[in-house]
All heavy atoms as atom14 arrays in JSON, in Angstrom:
{
  "sequence": "VLANPEIANLPGWVIALVAAGGLAAALSTAAGLLLVIST",
  "atom14_mask": [
    [1, 1, 1, 1, 1, 1, 1, 0, 0, 0, 0, 0, 0, 0],
    [1, 1, 1, 1, 1, 1, 1, 1, 0, 0, 0, 0, 0, 0],
    [1, 1, 1, 1, 1, 0, 0, 0, 0, 0, 0, 0, 0, 0],
    [1, 1, 1, 1, 1, 1, 1, 1, 0, 0, 0, 0, 0, 0],
    [1, 1, 1, 1, 1, 1, 1, 0, 0, 0, 0, 0, 0, 0],
    [1, 1, 1, 1, 1, 1, 1, 1, 1, 0, 0, 0, 0, 0],
    [1, 1, 1, 1, 1, 1, 1, 1, 0, 0, 0, 0, 0, 0],
    [1, 1, 1, 1, 1, 0, 0, 0, 0, 0, 0, 0, 0, 0],
    [1, 1, 1, 1, 1, 1, 1, 1, 0, 0, 0, 0, 0, 0],
    [1, 1, 1, 1, 1, 1, 1, 1, 0, 0, 0, 0, 0, 0],
    [1, 1, 1, 1, 1, 1, 1, 0, 0, 0, 0, 0, 0, 0],
    [1, 1, 1, 1, 0, 0, 0, 0, 0, 0, 0, 0, 0, 0],
    [1, 1, 1, 1, 1, 1, 1, 1, 1, 1, 1, 1, 1, 1],
    [1, 1, 1, 1, 1, 1, 1, 0, 0, 0, 0, 0, 0, 0],
    [1, 1, 1, 1, 1, 1, 1, 1, 0, 0, 0, 0, 0, 0],
    [1, 1, 1, 1, 1, 0, 0, 0, 0, 0, 0, 0, 0, 0],
    [1, 1, 1, 1, 1, 1, 1, 1, 0, 0, 0, 0, 0, 0],
    [1, 1, 1, 1, 1, 1, 1, 0, 0, 0, 0, 0, 0, 0],
    [1, 1, 1, 1, 1, 0, 0, 0, 0, 0, 0, 0, 0, 0],
    [1, 1, 1, 1, 1, 0, 0, 0, 0, 0, 0, 0, 0, 0],
    [1, 1, 1, 1, 0, 0, 0, 0, 0, 0, 0, 0, 0, 0],
    [1, 1, 1, 1, 0, 0, 0, 0, 0, 0, 0, 0, 0, 0],
    [1, 1, 1, 1, 1, 1, 1, 1, 0, 0, 0, 0, 0, 0],
    [1, 1, 1, 1, 1, 0, 0, 0, 0, 0, 0, 0, 0, 0],
    [1, 1, 1, 1, 1, 0, 0, 0, 0, 0, 0, 0, 0, 0],
    [1, 1, 1, 1, 1, 0, 0, 0, 0, 0, 0, 0, 0, 0],
    [1, 1, 1, 1, 1, 1, 1, 1, 0, 0, 0, 0, 0, 0],
    [1, 1, 1, 1, 1, 1, 0, 0, 0, 0, 0, 0, 0, 0],
    [1, 1, 1, 1, 1, 1, 1, 0, 0, 0, 0, 0, 0, 0],
    [1, 1, 1, 1, 1, 0, 0, 0, 0, 0, 0, 0, 0, 0],
    [1, 1, 1, 1, 1, 0, 0, 0, 0, 0, 0, 0, 0, 0],
    [1, 1, 1, 1, 0, 0, 0, 0, 0, 0, 0, 0, 0, 0],
    [1, 1, 1, 1, 1, 1, 1, 1, 0, 0, 0, 0, 0, 0],
    [1, 1, 1, 1, 1, 1, 1, 1, 0, 0, 0, 0, 0, 0],
    [1, 1, 1, 1, 1, 1, 1, 1, 0, 0, 0, 0, 0, 0],
    [1, 1, 1, 1, 1, 1, 1, 0, 0, 0, 0, 0, 0, 0],
    [1, 1, 1, 1, 1, 1, 1, 1, 0, 0, 0, 0, 0, 0],
    [1, 1, 1, 1, 1, 1, 0, 0, 0, 0, 0, 0, 0, 0],
    [1, 1, 1, 1, 1, 1, 1, 0, 0, 0, 0, 0, 0, 0]
  ],
  "atom14_positions": [
    [[55.79, 176.25, 30.65], [56.13, 177.55, 31.24], [57.1, 177.36, 32.4], [58.05, 178.14, 32.56], [54.85, 178.27, 31.72], [55.19, 179.49, 32.57], [54.02, 178.7, 30.52], [0.0, 0.0, 0.0], [0.0, 0.0, 0.0], [0.0, 0.0, 0.0], [0.0, 0.0, 0.0], [0.0, 0.0, 0.0], [0.0, 0.0, 0.0], [0.0, 0.0, 0.0]],
    [[56.87, 176.33, 33.2], [57.73, 176.11, 34.36], [59.13, 175.68, 33.93], [60.13, 176.04, 34.57], [57.11, 175.03, 35.26], [55.71, 175.34, 35.79], [55.16, 174.16, 36.57], [55.71, 176.59, 36.66], [0.0, 0.0, 0.0], [0.0, 0.0, 0.0], [0.0, 0.0, 0.0], [0.0, 0.0, 0.0], [0.0, 0.0, 0.0], [0.0, 0.0, 0.0]],
    [[59.22, 174.89, 32.86], [60.53, 174.41, 32.41], [61.25, 175.41, 31.52], [62.47, 175.28, 31.31], [60.35, 173.08, 31.65], [0.0, 0.0, 0.0], [0.0, 0.0, 0.0], [0.0, 0.0, 0.0], [0.0, 0.0, 0.0], [0.0, 0.0, 0.0], [0.0, 0.0, 0.0], [0.0, 0.0, 0.0], [0.0, 0.0, 0.0], [0.0, 0.0, 0.0]],
    [[60.54, 176.38, 30.99], [61.11, 177.32, 30.02], [62.41, 177.97, 30.49], [63.39, 178.02, 29.75], [60.07, 178.39, 29.67], [60.07, 178.72, 28.19], [60.79, 178.13, 27.4], [59.24, 179.68, 27.81], [0.0, 0.0, 0.0], [0.0, 0.0, 0.0], [0.0, 0.0, 0.0], [0.0, 0.0, 0.0], [0.0, 0.0, 0.0], [0.0, 0.0, 0.0]],
    [[62.47, 178.5, 31.72], [63.72, 179.11, 32.17], [64.89, 178.12, 32.22], [66.03, 178.48, 31.92], [63.39, 179.63, 33.57], [61.91, 179.79, 33.57], [61.39, 178.68, 32.71], [0.0, 0.0, 0.0], [0.0, 0.0, 0.0], [0.0, 0.0, 0.0], [0.0, 0.0, 0.0], [0.0, 0.0, 0.0], [0.0, 0.0, 0.0], [0.0, 0.0, 0.0]],
    [[64.59, 176.86, 32.59], [65.64, 175.85, 32.62], [66.1, 175.5, 31.21], [67.29, 175.33, 30.95], [65.14, 174.59, 33.33], [64.82, 174.78, 34.8], [64.26, 173.52, 35.41], [63.02, 173.35, 35.37], [65.04, 172.71, 35.93], [0.0, 0.0, 0.0], [0.0, 0.0, 0.0], [0.0, 0.0, 0.0], [0.0, 0.0, 0.0], [0.0, 0.0, 0.0]],
    [[65.13, 175.36, 30.29], [65.48, 175.04, 28.9], [66.37, 176.12, 28.31], [67.31, 175.84, 27.56], [64.2, 174.88, 28.06], [63.35, 173.71, 28.57], [64.54, 174.65, 26.59], [61.98, 173.6, 27.91], [0.0, 0.0, 0.0], [0.0, 0.0, 0.0], [0.0, 0.0, 0.0], [0.0, 0.0, 0.0], [0.0, 0.0, 0.0], [0.0, 0.0, 0.0]],
    [[66.09, 177.38, 28.66], [66.85, 178.51, 28.12], [68.11, 178.83, 28.93], [68.79, 179.83, 28.65], [65.96, 179.74, 28.05], [0.0, 0.0, 0.0], [0.0, 0.0, 0.0], [0.0, 0.0, 0.0], [0.0, 0.0, 0.0], [0.0, 0.0, 0.0], [0.0, 0.0, 0.0], [0.0, 0.0, 0.0], [0.0, 0.0, 0.0], [0.0, 0.0, 0.0]],
    [[68.4, 178.01, 29.96], [69.59, 178.22, 30.8], [69.61, 179.6, 31.47], [70.64, 180.27, 31.51], [70.88, 178.03, 29.99], [71.13, 176.59, 29.63], [70.97, 175.7, 30.47], [71.51, 176.34, 28.38], [0.0, 0.0, 0.0], [0.0, 0.0, 0.0], [0.0, 0.0, 0.0], [0.0, 0.0, 0.0], [0.0, 0.0, 0.0], [0.0, 0.0, 0.0]],
    [[68.45, 180.02, 31.99], [68.38, 181.29, 32.68], [68.93, 181.14, 34.1], [69.07, 180.03, 34.61], [66.93, 181.78, 32.72], [66.28, 182.07, 31.36], [64.91, 182.69, 31.55], [67.16, 182.99, 30.51], [0.0, 0.0, 0.0], [0.0, 0.0, 0.0], [0.0, 0.0, 0.0], [0.0, 0.0, 0.0], [0.0, 0.0, 0.0], [0.0, 0.0, 0.0]],
    [[69.25, 182.26, 34.76], [69.82, 182.18, 36.12], [68.89, 181.48, 37.11], [67.67, 181.45, 36.92], [70.01, 183.67, 36.5], [70.05, 184.39, 35.21], [69.19, 183.64, 34.26], [0.0, 0.0, 0.0], [0.0, 0.0, 0.0], [0.0, 0.0, 0.0], [0.0, 0.0, 0.0], [0.0, 0.0, 0.0], [0.0, 0.0, 0.0], [0.0, 0.0, 0.0]],
    [[69.47, 180.95, 38.18], [68.7, 180.22, 39.17], [67.62, 181.05, 39.83], [66.54, 180.53, 40.15], [0.0, 0.0, 0.0], [0.0, 0.0, 0.0], [0.0, 0.0, 0.0], [0.0, 0.0, 0.0], [0.0, 0.0, 0.0], [0.0, 0.0, 0.0], [0.0, 0.0, 0.0], [0.0, 0.0, 0.0], [0.0, 0.0, 0.0], [0.0, 0.0, 0.0]],
    [[67.85, 182.35, 40.01], [66.84, 183.17, 40.67], [65.59, 183.33, 39.8], [64.49, 183.49, 40.33], [67.4, 184.54, 41.07], [67.78, 185.45, 39.93], [68.98, 185.56, 39.33], [66.91, 186.39, 39.27], [68.94, 186.51, 38.33], [67.68, 187.03, 38.27], [65.57, 186.74, 39.41], [67.16, 188.01, 37.42], [65.03, 187.72, 38.58], [65.82, 188.34, 37.6]],
    [[65.75, 183.25, 38.47], [64.59, 183.32, 37.58], [63.76, 182.04, 37.72], [62.53, 182.07, 37.75], [65.02, 183.53, 36.12], [63.81, 183.57, 35.21], [65.83, 184.81, 35.98], [0.0, 0.0, 0.0], [0.0, 0.0, 0.0], [0.0, 0.0, 0.0], [0.0, 0.0, 0.0], [0.0, 0.0, 0.0], [0.0, 0.0, 0.0], [0.0, 0.0, 0.0]],
    [[64.44, 180.89, 37.8], [63.74, 179.62, 37.98], [62.97, 179.63, 39.3], [61.81, 179.2, 39.38], [64.75, 178.45, 37.95], [65.42, 178.39, 36.57], [64.08, 177.13, 38.29], [66.59, 177.42, 36.5], [0.0, 0.0, 0.0], [0.0, 0.0, 0.0], [0.0, 0.0, 0.0], [0.0, 0.0, 0.0], [0.0, 0.0, 0.0], [0.0, 0.0, 0.0]],
    [[63.6, 180.16, 40.36], [62.95, 180.25, 41.66], [61.74, 181.18, 41.6], [60.69, 180.91, 42.2], [63.94, 180.75, 42.71], [0.0, 0.0, 0.0], [0.0, 0.0, 0.0], [0.0, 0.0, 0.0], [0.0, 0.0, 0.0], [0.0, 0.0, 0.0], [0.0, 0.0, 0.0], [0.0, 0.0, 0.0], [0.0, 0.0, 0.0], [0.0, 0.0, 0.0]],
    [[61.88, 182.27, 40.87], [60.78, 183.22, 40.73], [59.59, 182.59, 40.03], [58.43, 182.78, 40.42], [61.27, 184.45, 39.95], [60.29, 185.61, 39.77], [59.9, 186.19, 41.12], [60.89, 186.69, 38.88], [0.0, 0.0, 0.0], [0.0, 0.0, 0.0], [0.0, 0.0, 0.0], [0.0, 0.0, 0.0], [0.0, 0.0, 0.0], [0.0, 0.0, 0.0]],
    [[59.85, 181.79, 38.98], [58.77, 181.12, 38.26], [58.05, 180.12, 39.16], [56.82, 179.98, 39.11], [59.32, 180.42, 37.0], [58.27, 179.5, 36.37], [59.76, 181.46, 35.98], [0.0, 0.0, 0.0], [0.0, 0.0, 0.0], [0.0, 0.0, 0.0], [0.0, 0.0, 0.0], [0.0, 0.0, 0.0], [0.0, 0.0, 0.0], [0.0, 0.0, 0.0]],
    [[58.81, 179.42, 40.01], [58.19, 178.49, 40.95], [57.23, 179.23, 41.88], [56.09, 178.79, 42.09], [59.26, 177.77, 41.76], [0.0, 0.0, 0.0], [0.0, 0.0, 0.0], [0.0, 0.0, 0.0], [0.0, 0.0, 0.0], [0.0, 0.0, 0.0], [0.0, 0.0, 0.0], [0.0, 0.0, 0.0], [0.0, 0.0, 0.0], [0.0, 0.0, 0.0]],
    [[57.66, 180.37, 42.42], [56.79, 181.15, 43.31], [55.59, 181.7, 42.56], [54.47, 181.72, 43.09], [57.59, 182.3, 43.93], [0.0, 0.0, 0.0], [0.0, 0.0, 0.0], [0.0, 0.0, 0.0], [0.0, 0.0, 0.0], [0.0, 0.0, 0.0], [0.0, 0.0, 0.0], [0.0, 0.0, 0.0], [0.0, 0.0, 0.0], [0.0, 0.0, 0.0]],
    [[55.79, 182.12, 41.3], [54.69, 182.65, 40.51], [53.65, 181.6, 40.17], [52.45, 181.86, 40.22], [0.0, 0.0, 0.0], [0.0, 0.0, 0.0], [0.0, 0.0, 0.0], [0.0, 0.0, 0.0], [0.0, 0.0, 0.0], [0.0, 0.0, 0.0], [0.0, 0.0, 0.0], [0.0, 0.0, 0.0], [0.0, 0.0, 0.0], [0.0, 0.0, 0.0]],
    [[54.11, 180.39, 39.81], [53.17, 179.32, 39.5], [52.31, 178.96, 40.69], [51.1, 178.74, 40.56], [0.0, 0.0, 0.0], [0.0, 0.0, 0.0], [0.0, 0.0, 0.0], [0.0, 0.0, 0.0], [0.0, 0.0, 0.0], [0.0, 0.0, 0.0], [0.0, 0.0, 0.0], [0.0, 0.0, 0.0], [0.0, 0.0, 0.0], [0.0, 0.0, 0.0]],
    [[52.91, 178.93, 41.86], [52.14, 178.63, 43.08], [51.17, 179.76, 43.4], [50.04, 179.53, 43.82], [53.1, 178.39, 44.25], [53.85, 177.06, 44.19], [54.95, 177.03, 45.25], [52.89, 175.9, 44.39], [0.0, 0.0, 0.0], [0.0, 0.0, 0.0], [0.0, 0.0, 0.0], [0.0, 0.0, 0.0], [0.0, 0.0, 0.0], [0.0, 0.0, 0.0]],
    [[51.61, 181.01, 43.2], [50.73, 182.15, 43.47], [49.51, 182.09, 42.57], [48.38, 182.33, 43.02], [51.5, 183.46, 43.23], [0.0, 0.0, 0.0], [0.0, 0.0, 0.0], [0.0, 0.0, 0.0], [0.0, 0.0, 0.0], [0.0, 0.0, 0.0], [0.0, 0.0, 0.0], [0.0, 0.0, 0.0], [0.0, 0.0, 0.0], [0.0, 0.0, 0.0]],
    [[49.7, 181.76, 41.29], [48.58, 181.7, 40.35], [47.58, 180.63, 40.76], [46.35, 180.86, 40.79], [49.1, 181.43, 38.94], [0.0, 0.0, 0.0], [0.0, 0.0, 0.0], [0.0, 0.0, 0.0], [0.0, 0.0, 0.0], [0.0, 0.0, 0.0], [0.0, 0.0, 0.0], [0.0, 0.0, 0.0], [0.0, 0.0, 0.0], [0.0, 0.0, 0.0]],
    [[48.07, 179.43, 41.07], [47.17, 178.33, 41.41], [46.47, 178.56, 42.74], [45.27, 178.33, 42.88], [47.94, 177.02, 41.43], [0.0, 0.0, 0.0], [0.0, 0.0, 0.0], [0.0, 0.0, 0.0], [0.0, 0.0, 0.0], [0.0, 0.0, 0.0], [0.0, 0.0, 0.0], [0.0, 0.0, 0.0], [0.0, 0.0, 0.0], [0.0, 0.0, 0.0]],
    [[47.21, 179.04, 43.73], [46.64, 179.21, 45.07], [45.63, 180.34, 45.11], [44.63, 180.26, 45.83], [47.76, 179.46, 46.08], [48.71, 178.28, 46.34], [49.84, 178.7, 47.26], [47.96, 177.1, 46.95], [0.0, 0.0, 0.0], [0.0, 0.0, 0.0], [0.0, 0.0, 0.0], [0.0, 0.0, 0.0], [0.0, 0.0, 0.0], [0.0, 0.0, 0.0]],
    [[45.87, 181.42, 44.35], [44.94, 182.56, 44.39], [43.56, 182.15, 43.89], [42.53, 182.49, 44.49], [45.49, 183.72, 43.56], [45.6, 183.35, 42.19], [0.0, 0.0, 0.0], [0.0, 0.0, 0.0], [0.0, 0.0, 0.0], [0.0, 0.0, 0.0], [0.0, 0.0, 0.0], [0.0, 0.0, 0.0], [0.0, 0.0, 0.0], [0.0, 0.0, 0.0]],
    [[43.51, 181.42, 42.79], [42.22, 180.99, 42.24], [41.59, 179.91, 43.1], [40.37, 179.91, 43.31], [42.4, 180.48, 40.8], [43.0, 181.52, 40.03], [41.07, 180.1, 40.19], [0.0, 0.0, 0.0], [0.0, 0.0, 0.0], [0.0, 0.0, 0.0], [0.0, 0.0, 0.0], [0.0, 0.0, 0.0], [0.0, 0.0, 0.0], [0.0, 0.0, 0.0]],
    [[42.41, 178.99, 43.61], [41.87, 177.95, 44.49], [41.19, 178.58, 45.7], [40.09, 178.14, 46.11], [42.99, 177.01, 44.93], [0.0, 0.0, 0.0], [0.0, 0.0, 0.0], [0.0, 0.0, 0.0], [0.0, 0.0, 0.0], [0.0, 0.0, 0.0], [0.0, 0.0, 0.0], [0.0, 0.0, 0.0], [0.0, 0.0, 0.0], [0.0, 0.0, 0.0]],
    [[41.79, 179.62, 46.27], [41.2, 180.27, 47.44], [39.86, 180.92, 47.09], [38.89, 180.81, 47.84], [42.17, 181.33, 47.98], [0.0, 0.0, 0.0], [0.0, 0.0, 0.0], [0.0, 0.0, 0.0], [0.0, 0.0, 0.0], [0.0, 0.0, 0.0], [0.0, 0.0, 0.0], [0.0, 0.0, 0.0], [0.0, 0.0, 0.0], [0.0, 0.0, 0.0]],
    [[39.8, 181.6, 45.94], [38.54, 182.22, 45.52], [37.44, 181.2, 45.29], [36.28, 181.41, 45.67], [0.0, 0.0, 0.0], [0.0, 0.0, 0.0], [0.0, 0.0, 0.0], [0.0, 0.0, 0.0], [0.0, 0.0, 0.0], [0.0, 0.0, 0.0], [0.0, 0.0, 0.0], [0.0, 0.0, 0.0], [0.0, 0.0, 0.0], [0.0, 0.0, 0.0]],
    [[37.79, 180.08, 44.69], [36.8, 179.02, 44.44], [36.31, 178.4, 45.74], [35.12, 178.14, 45.92], [37.42, 177.95, 43.55], [37.66, 178.35, 42.1], [38.63, 177.39, 41.43], [36.34, 178.39, 41.33], [0.0, 0.0, 0.0], [0.0, 0.0, 0.0], [0.0, 0.0, 0.0], [0.0, 0.0, 0.0], [0.0, 0.0, 0.0], [0.0, 0.0, 0.0]],
    [[37.24, 178.15, 46.66], [36.85, 177.57, 47.94], [35.92, 178.51, 48.71], [35.0, 178.06, 49.4], [38.09, 177.25, 48.77], [38.94, 176.08, 48.25], [40.28, 176.06, 48.94], [38.2, 174.77, 48.47], [0.0, 0.0, 0.0], [0.0, 0.0, 0.0], [0.0, 0.0, 0.0], [0.0, 0.0, 0.0], [0.0, 0.0, 0.0], [0.0, 0.0, 0.0]],
    [[36.17, 179.79, 48.56], [35.32, 180.75, 49.27], [33.89, 180.72, 48.74], [32.94, 180.73, 49.53], [35.9, 182.16, 49.14], [35.14, 183.21, 49.96], [35.35, 182.98, 51.44], [35.59, 184.62, 49.59], [0.0, 0.0, 0.0], [0.0, 0.0, 0.0], [0.0, 0.0, 0.0], [0.0, 0.0, 0.0], [0.0, 0.0, 0.0], [0.0, 0.0, 0.0]],
    [[33.71, 180.69, 47.42], [32.34, 180.69, 46.9], [31.63, 179.38, 47.23], [30.42, 179.36, 47.44], [32.29, 180.96, 45.38], [32.86, 182.32, 45.04], [32.98, 179.88, 44.58], [0.0, 0.0, 0.0], [0.0, 0.0, 0.0], [0.0, 0.0, 0.0], [0.0, 0.0, 0.0], [0.0, 0.0, 0.0], [0.0, 0.0, 0.0], [0.0, 0.0, 0.0]],
    [[32.39, 178.27, 47.3], [31.77, 177.01, 47.7], [31.3, 177.09, 49.14], [30.16, 176.73, 49.47], [32.76, 175.84, 47.52], [33.05, 175.61, 46.03], [32.21, 174.55, 48.14], [34.2, 174.65, 45.77], [0.0, 0.0, 0.0], [0.0, 0.0, 0.0], [0.0, 0.0, 0.0], [0.0, 0.0, 0.0], [0.0, 0.0, 0.0], [0.0, 0.0, 0.0]],
    [[32.18, 177.55, 50.04], [31.8, 177.62, 51.45], [30.68, 178.63, 51.68], [29.78, 178.39, 52.5], [33.03, 177.99, 52.3], [33.47, 179.31, 52.02], [0.0, 0.0, 0.0], [0.0, 0.0, 0.0], [0.0, 0.0, 0.0], [0.0, 0.0, 0.0], [0.0, 0.0, 0.0], [0.0, 0.0, 0.0], [0.0, 0.0, 0.0], [0.0, 0.0, 0.0]],
    [[30.72, 179.74, 50.95], [29.67, 180.76, 51.08], [28.32, 180.22, 50.62], [27.29, 180.45, 51.26], [30.04, 182.01, 50.27], [31.29, 182.51, 50.73], [28.98, 183.08, 50.41], [0.0, 0.0, 0.0], [0.0, 0.0, 0.0], [0.0, 0.0, 0.0], [0.0, 0.0, 0.0], [0.0, 0.0, 0.0], [0.0, 0.0, 0.0], [0.0, 0.0, 0.0]]
  ]
}
């Protein structure tokens, strides 16, 4: 998924957007999991 925009030669801003989206997905769940552990 992360390489897909590069493989398809999409604009640089799309590649940057995917990077931000991938981090948002991983960090959102990590935060929820850490909260239930600490709770």
